[in-house]
């Protein structure tokens, strides 16, 4: 499935994707790397946090979450690795699955550390796109079926059109962020 979606995106003219943020769906990251080999993929840290906390008992959740926060809020990748080590020492005997998940996905979970702080806040999570998807679902969920593909497209268009009316706040420090992207990806960005 992912191969056909990304192949279609490339066929429609997309030459390069600089950074992707995914929720770690099976095969998605590998497919991205196959179609767009220069792209870097960041796994959504928010999804990782939720998945890590899924099996933590209620009485441990606050302390566990606080300790885990030291990983993804660290100033550098090296500091994050040290925080993961401390996290593992404290919690591995009780919640080894959560620790293993961080370790197994480490390279894709820590991509955002390779970028300046302003860019990190944009790429560490998929929540923005999930919010938009939720608004689209709101417009389409009451319909059991659509008479044509065009009807679906119109409904999605209207949902996106309504959502964008609320997008009045500019991205904080966009000028700085754009300049950082231009410096990091100078040969790959076309303005």
C-alpha atoms as a PDB file:
ATOM      1  CA  UNK A   1       0.000   0.000   0.000  1.00  0.00           C
ATOM      2  CA  UNK A   2       2.619   2.551   1.080  1.00  0.00           C
ATOM      3  CA  UNK A   3       4.734   1.833  -1.986  1.00  0.00           C
ATOM      4  CA  UNK A   4       1.859   2.739  -4.318  1.00  0.00           C
ATOM      5  CA  UNK A   5       1.009   5.901  -2.370  1.00  0.00           C
ATOM      6  CA  UNK A   6       4.582   7.192  -2.377  1.00  0.00           C
ATOM      7  CA  UNK A   7       5.170   6.139  -5.976  1.00  0.00           C
ATOM      8  CA  UNK A   8       2.068   8.127  -6.922  1.00  0.00           C
ATOM      9  CA  UNK A   9       3.350  11.171  -5.016  1.00  0.00           C
ATOM     10  CA  UNK A  10       6.638  10.934  -6.896  1.00  0.00           C
ATOM     11  CA  UNK A  11       4.841  10.430 -10.230  1.00  0.00           C
ATOM     12  CA  UNK A  12       2.861  13.638  -9.602  1.00  0.00           C
ATOM     13  CA  UNK A  13       6.093  15.624  -9.511  1.00  0.00           C
ATOM     14  CA  UNK A  14       7.470  15.489  -5.988  1.00  0.00           C
ATOM     15  CA  UNK A  15      11.209  15.147  -6.483  1.00  0.00           C
ATOM     16  CA  UNK A  16      12.361  15.109  -2.883  1.00  0.00           C
ATOM     17  CA  UNK A  17      11.050  14.987   0.664  1.00  0.00           C
ATOM     18  CA  UNK A  18      13.395  16.513   3.218  1.00  0.00           C
ATOM     19  CA  UNK A  19      11.868  15.218   6.449  1.00  0.00           C
ATOM     20  CA  UNK A  20       8.945  12.925   7.146  1.00  0.00           C
ATOM     21  CA  UNK A  21       7.204  12.475  10.480  1.00  0.00           C
ATOM     22  CA  UNK A  22       5.376   9.171  10.851  1.00  0.00           C
ATOM     23  CA  UNK A  23       3.538   7.270  13.529  1.00  0.00           C
ATOM     24  CA  UNK A  24       5.727   4.205  12.876  1.00  0.00           C
ATOM     25  CA  UNK A  25       3.275   2.241  10.783  1.00  0.00           C
ATOM     26  CA  UNK A  26       4.688  -1.072   9.581  1.00  0.00           C
ATOM     27  CA  UNK A  27       6.764  -0.671   6.453  1.00  0.00           C
ATOM     28  CA  UNK A  28       6.151   3.057   6.041  1.00  0.00           C
ATOM     29  CA  UNK A  29       9.647   4.233   6.994  1.00  0.00           C
ATOM     30  CA  UNK A  30      11.339   1.628   4.784  1.00  0.00           C
ATOM     31  CA  UNK A  31       9.089   2.552   1.869  1.00  0.00           C
ATOM     32  CA  UNK A  32       9.884   6.250   2.270  1.00  0.00           C
ATOM     33  CA  UNK A  33      13.601   5.449   2.201  1.00  0.00           C
ATOM     34  CA  UNK A  34      13.125   3.364  -0.945  1.00  0.00           C
ATOM     35  CA  UNK A  35      11.218   6.039  -2.906  1.00  0.00           C
ATOM     36  CA  UNK A  36      12.925   9.124  -1.417  1.00  0.00           C
ATOM     37  CA  UNK A  37      16.367   7.871  -0.282  1.00  0.00           C
ATOM     38  CA  UNK A  38      17.599  11.279   0.906  1.00  0.00           C
ATOM     39  CA  UNK A  39      14.627  11.823   3.205  1.00  0.00           C
ATOM     40  CA  UNK A  40      15.068  11.498   6.963  1.00  0.00           C
ATOM     41  CA  UNK A  41      12.221  10.029   8.973  1.00  0.00           C
ATOM     42  CA  UNK A  42      11.252  11.115  12.464  1.00  0.00           C
ATOM     43  CA  UNK A  43       8.949   8.774  14.367  1.00  0.00           C
ATOM     44  CA  UNK A  44       6.324  10.720  16.302  1.00  0.00           C
ATOM     45  CA  UNK A  45       7.579  11.137  19.858  1.00  0.00           C
ATOM     46  CA  UNK A  46       4.022  11.687  21.140  1.00  0.00           C
ATOM     47  CA  UNK A  47       2.987   8.284  19.755  1.00  0.00           C
ATOM     48  CA  UNK A  48       6.059   6.721  21.356  1.00  0.00           C
ATOM     49  CA  UNK A  49       5.148   8.254  24.721  1.00  0.00           C
ATOM     50  CA  UNK A  50       1.558   6.975  24.467  1.00  0.00           C
ATOM     51  CA  UNK A  51       2.709   3.510  23.450  1.00  0.00           C
ATOM     52  CA  UNK A  52       5.277   3.417  26.237  1.00  0.00           C
ATOM     53  CA  UNK A  53       2.679   4.366  28.847  1.00  0.00           C
ATOM     54  CA  UNK A  54       0.022   1.983  27.573  1.00  0.00           C
ATOM     55  CA  UNK A  55       0.923  -0.841  29.955  1.00  0.00           C
ATOM     56  CA  UNK A  56       2.211   1.191  32.882  1.00  0.00           C
ATOM     57  CA  UNK A  57       0.101   0.803  35.993  1.00  0.00           C
ATOM     58  CA  UNK A  58      -1.668   3.912  37.203  1.00  0.00           C
ATOM     59  CA  UNK A  59       0.391   4.380  40.374  1.00  0.00           C
ATOM     60  CA  UNK A  60       3.652   4.440  38.341  1.00  0.00           C
ATOM     61  CA  UNK A  61       2.436   6.527  35.431  1.00  0.00           C
ATOM     62  CA  UNK A  62       3.334   9.990  36.755  1.00  0.00           C
ATOM     63  CA  UNK A  63       6.869   9.052  37.819  1.00  0.00           C
ATOM     64  CA  UNK A  64       7.426   6.905  34.712  1.00  0.00           C
ATOM     65  CA  UNK A  65       6.291   9.754  32.434  1.00  0.00           C
ATOM     66  CA  UNK A  66       8.448  12.276  34.266  1.00  0.00           C
ATOM     67  CA  UNK A  67      11.505  10.047  33.885  1.00  0.00           C
ATOM     68  CA  UNK A  68      10.719   9.387  30.226  1.00  0.00           C
ATOM     69  CA  UNK A  69      10.401  13.137  29.596  1.00  0.00           C
ATOM     70  CA  UNK A  70      14.108  13.470  30.370  1.00  0.00           C
ATOM     71  CA  UNK A  71      14.809  11.513  27.172  1.00  0.00           C
ATOM     72  CA  UNK A  72      12.913  13.582  24.620  1.00  0.00           C
ATOM     73  CA  UNK A  73      13.524  16.980  26.234  1.00  0.00           C
ATOM     74  CA  UNK A  74      17.278  16.496  26.500  1.00  0.00           C
ATOM     75  CA  UNK A  75      19.363  19.236  24.867  1.00  0.00           C
ATOM     76  CA  UNK A  76      21.374  16.806  22.698  1.00  0.00           C
ATOM     77  CA  UNK A  77      21.146  13.285  21.319  1.00  0.00           C
ATOM     78  CA  UNK A  78      23.989  12.228  23.625  1.00  0.00           C
ATOM     79  CA  UNK A  79      22.164  13.584  26.679  1.00  0.00           C
ATOM     80  CA  UNK A  80      19.008  11.814  25.493  1.00  0.00           C
ATOM     81  CA  UNK A  81      20.945   8.532  25.219  1.00  0.00           C
ATOM     82  CA  UNK A  82      22.217   9.001  28.779  1.00  0.00           C
ATOM     83  CA  UNK A  83      18.662   9.717  29.952  1.00  0.00           C
ATOM     84  CA  UNK A  84      17.473   6.541  28.213  1.00  0.00           C
ATOM     85  CA  UNK A  85      20.187   4.588  30.006  1.00  0.00           C
ATOM     86  CA  UNK A  86      19.050   5.995  33.386  1.00  0.00           C
ATOM     87  CA  UNK A  87      15.429   5.295  32.427  1.00  0.00           C
ATOM     88  CA  UNK A  88      16.336   1.695  31.594  1.00  0.00           C
ATOM     89  CA  UNK A  89      18.193   1.155  34.867  1.00  0.00           C
ATOM     90  CA  UNK A  90      15.176   2.354  36.835  1.00  0.00           C
ATOM     91  CA  UNK A  91      12.284   0.827  34.878  1.00  0.00           C
ATOM     92  CA  UNK A  92      13.548  -2.122  32.804  1.00  0.00           C
ATOM     93  CA  UNK A  93      12.667  -4.768  35.377  1.00  0.00           C
ATOM     94  CA  UNK A  94       9.066  -3.577  35.451  1.00  0.00           C
ATOM     95  CA  UNK A  95       8.416  -2.199  31.957  1.00  0.00           C
ATOM     96  CA  UNK A  96      10.999  -3.748  29.647  1.00  0.00           C
ATOM     97  CA  UNK A  97       8.675  -3.527  26.625  1.00  0.00           C
ATOM     98  CA  UNK A  98       8.629   0.285  26.834  1.00  0.00           C
ATOM     99  CA  UNK A  99      12.411   0.443  27.102  1.00  0.00           C
ATOM    100  CA  UNK A 100      12.909  -1.986  24.208  1.00  0.00           C
ATOM    101  CA  UNK A 101      10.568   0.083  22.041  1.00  0.00           C
ATOM    102  CA  UNK A 102      12.690   3.207  22.630  1.00  0.00           C
ATOM    103  CA  UNK A 103      15.888   1.266  21.926  1.00  0.00           C
ATOM    104  CA  UNK A 104      14.558  -0.451  18.781  1.00  0.00           C
ATOM    105  CA  UNK A 105      13.350   2.842  17.288  1.00  0.00           C
ATOM    106  CA  UNK A 106      16.147   5.049  18.617  1.00  0.00           C
ATOM    107  CA  UNK A 107      17.572   6.252  15.286  1.00  0.00           C
ATOM    108  CA  UNK A 108      14.161   7.371  13.977  1.00  0.00           C
ATOM    109  CA  UNK A 109      13.000   8.738  17.352  1.00  0.00           C
ATOM    110  CA  UNK A 110      16.007  11.028  17.697  1.00  0.00           C
ATOM    111  CA  UNK A 111      16.257  12.533  14.203  1.00  0.00           C
ATOM    112  CA  UNK A 112      14.899  15.833  15.547  1.00  0.00           C
ATOM    113  CA  UNK A 113      18.055  16.257  17.674  1.00  0.00           C
ATOM    114  CA  UNK A 114      20.002  16.763  14.430  1.00  0.00           C
ATOM    115  CA  UNK A 115      18.202  20.069  13.871  1.00  0.00           C
ATOM    116  CA  UNK A 116      18.085  23.458  15.628  1.00  0.00           C
ATOM    117  CA  UNK A 117      15.499  23.809  18.389  1.00  0.00           C
ATOM    118  CA  UNK A 118      13.074  25.813  16.215  1.00  0.00           C
ATOM    119  CA  UNK A 119      12.885  23.007  13.647  1.00  0.00           C
ATOM    120  CA  UNK A 120      12.648  20.318  16.338  1.00  0.00           C
ATOM    121  CA  UNK A 121       9.299  21.626  17.507  1.00  0.00           C
ATOM    122  CA  UNK A 122       7.895  21.252  14.001  1.00  0.00           C
ATOM    123  CA  UNK A 123       9.044  17.715  13.248  1.00  0.00           C
ATOM    124  CA  UNK A 124       8.914  15.678  16.468  1.00  0.00           C
ATOM    125  CA  UNK A 125       5.206  14.842  16.233  1.00  0.00           C
ATOM    126  CA  UNK A 126       2.440  14.051  13.749  1.00  0.00           C
ATOM    127  CA  UNK A 127      -0.257  15.762  15.860  1.00  0.00           C
ATOM    128  CA  UNK A 128      -0.824  18.615  13.376  1.00  0.00           C
ATOM    129  CA  UNK A 129      -1.694  16.305  10.500  1.00  0.00           C
ATOM    130  CA  UNK A 130      -3.760  14.090  12.810  1.00  0.00           C
ATOM    131  CA  UNK A 131      -5.745  17.157  13.843  1.00  0.00           C
ATOM    132  CA  UNK A 132      -6.475  17.921  10.189  1.00  0.00           C
ATOM    133  CA  UNK A 133      -7.420  14.289   9.545  1.00  0.00           C
ATOM    134  CA  UNK A 134      -9.854  14.481  12.463  1.00  0.00           C
ATOM    135  CA  UNK A 135     -11.530  17.526  10.946  1.00  0.00           C
ATOM    136  CA  UNK A 136     -11.842  15.741   7.605  1.00  0.00           C
ATOM    137  CA  UNK A 137     -13.381  12.719   9.355  1.00  0.00           C
ATOM    138  CA  UNK A 138     -15.868  15.042  11.038  1.00  0.00           C
ATOM    139  CA  UNK A 139     -17.105  16.111   7.594  1.00  0.00           C
ATOM    140  CA  UNK A 140     -17.214  12.616   6.134  1.00  0.00           C
ATOM    141  CA  UNK A 141     -18.290  10.364   9.032  1.00  0.00           C
ATOM    142  CA  UNK A 142     -22.023  11.079   8.780  1.00  0.00           C
ATOM    143  CA  UNK A 143     -22.119   9.814   5.218  1.00  0.00           C
ATOM    144  CA  UNK A 144     -22.374   6.055   4.951  1.00  0.00           C
ATOM    145  CA  UNK A 145     -21.429   6.243   1.305  1.00  0.00           C
ATOM    146  CA  UNK A 146     -20.731   8.827  -1.336  1.00  0.00           C
ATOM    147  CA  UNK A 147     -22.392   8.641  -4.753  1.00  0.00           C
ATOM    148  CA  UNK A 148     -19.144   9.400  -6.609  1.00  0.00           C
ATOM    149  CA  UNK A 149     -15.435   9.900  -6.043  1.00  0.00           C
ATOM    150  CA  UNK A 150     -16.008  13.545  -6.894  1.00  0.00           C
ATOM    151  CA  UNK A 151     -18.445  13.833  -3.975  1.00  0.00           C
ATOM    152  CA  UNK A 152     -15.758  12.530  -1.612  1.00  0.00           C
ATOM    153  CA  UNK A 153     -13.235  14.997  -3.002  1.00  0.00           C
ATOM    154  CA  UNK A 154     -15.670  17.902  -2.568  1.00  0.00           C
ATOM    155  CA  UNK A 155     -16.384  16.888   1.019  1.00  0.00           C
ATOM    156  CA  UNK A 156     -12.669  16.689   1.831  1.00  0.00           C
ATOM    157  CA  UNK A 157     -12.083  20.022   0.069  1.00  0.00           C
ATOM    158  CA  UNK A 158     -14.803  21.672   2.171  1.00  0.00           C
ATOM    159  CA  UNK A 159     -13.350  20.204   5.377  1.00  0.00           C
ATOM    160  CA  UNK A 160      -9.880  21.509   4.547  1.00  0.00           C
ATOM    161  CA  UNK A 161     -11.284  24.863   3.467  1.00  0.00           C
ATOM    162  CA  UNK A 162     -13.109  25.249   6.793  1.00  0.00           C
ATOM    163  CA  UNK A 163     -10.044  24.167   8.772  1.00  0.00           C
ATOM    164  CA  UNK A 164      -7.738  26.635   7.062  1.00  0.00           C
ATOM    165  CA  UNK A 165      -9.990  29.539   8.041  1.00  0.00           C
ATOM    166  CA  UNK A 166      -8.840  28.953  11.628  1.00  0.00           C
ATOM    167  CA  UNK A 167      -5.163  28.910  10.716  1.00  0.00           C
ATOM    168  CA  UNK A 168      -4.563  32.550  11.511  1.00  0.00           C
ATOM    169  CA  UNK A 169      -1.427  32.265  13.629  1.00  0.00           C
ATOM    170  CA  UNK A 170       1.845  32.339  11.711  1.00  0.00           C
ATOM    171  CA  UNK A 171       4.483  29.772  12.617  1.00  0.00           C
ATOM    172  CA  UNK A 172       6.598  31.294  15.365  1.00  0.00           C
ATOM    173  CA  UNK A 173      10.050  32.330  14.121  1.00  0.00           C
ATOM    174  CA  UNK A 174       9.263  31.242  10.553  1.00  0.00           C
ATOM    175  CA  UNK A 175      11.966  33.504   9.095  1.00  0.00           C
ATOM    176  CA  UNK A 176      14.605  31.902  11.324  1.00  0.00           C
ATOM    177  CA  UNK A 177      13.274  28.404  10.551  1.00  0.00           C
ATOM    178  CA  UNK A 178      13.257  29.011   6.803  1.00  0.00           C
ATOM    179  CA  UNK A 179      16.835  30.285   6.915  1.00  0.00           C
ATOM    180  CA  UNK A 180      17.888  27.210   8.906  1.00  0.00           C
ATOM    181  CA  UNK A 181      16.225  24.908   6.372  1.00  0.00           C
ATOM    182  CA  UNK A 182      17.964  26.779   3.552  1.00  0.00           C
ATOM    183  CA  UNK A 183      21.329  26.388   5.281  1.00  0.00           C
ATOM    184  CA  UNK A 184      20.843  22.698   6.113  1.00  0.00           C
ATOM    185  CA  UNK A 185      19.299  21.684   2.792  1.00  0.00           C
ATOM    186  CA  UNK A 186      20.778  24.371   0.533  1.00  0.00           C
ATOM    187  CA  UNK A 187      21.174  22.083  -2.479  1.00  0.00           C
ATOM    188  CA  UNK A 188      17.752  20.472  -2.091  1.00  0.00           C
ATOM    189  CA  UNK A 189      15.377  23.409  -1.502  1.00  0.00           C
ATOM    190  CA  UNK A 190      13.995  25.341  -4.442  1.00  0.00           C
ATOM    191  CA  UNK A 191      12.216  28.594  -3.619  1.00  0.00           C
END
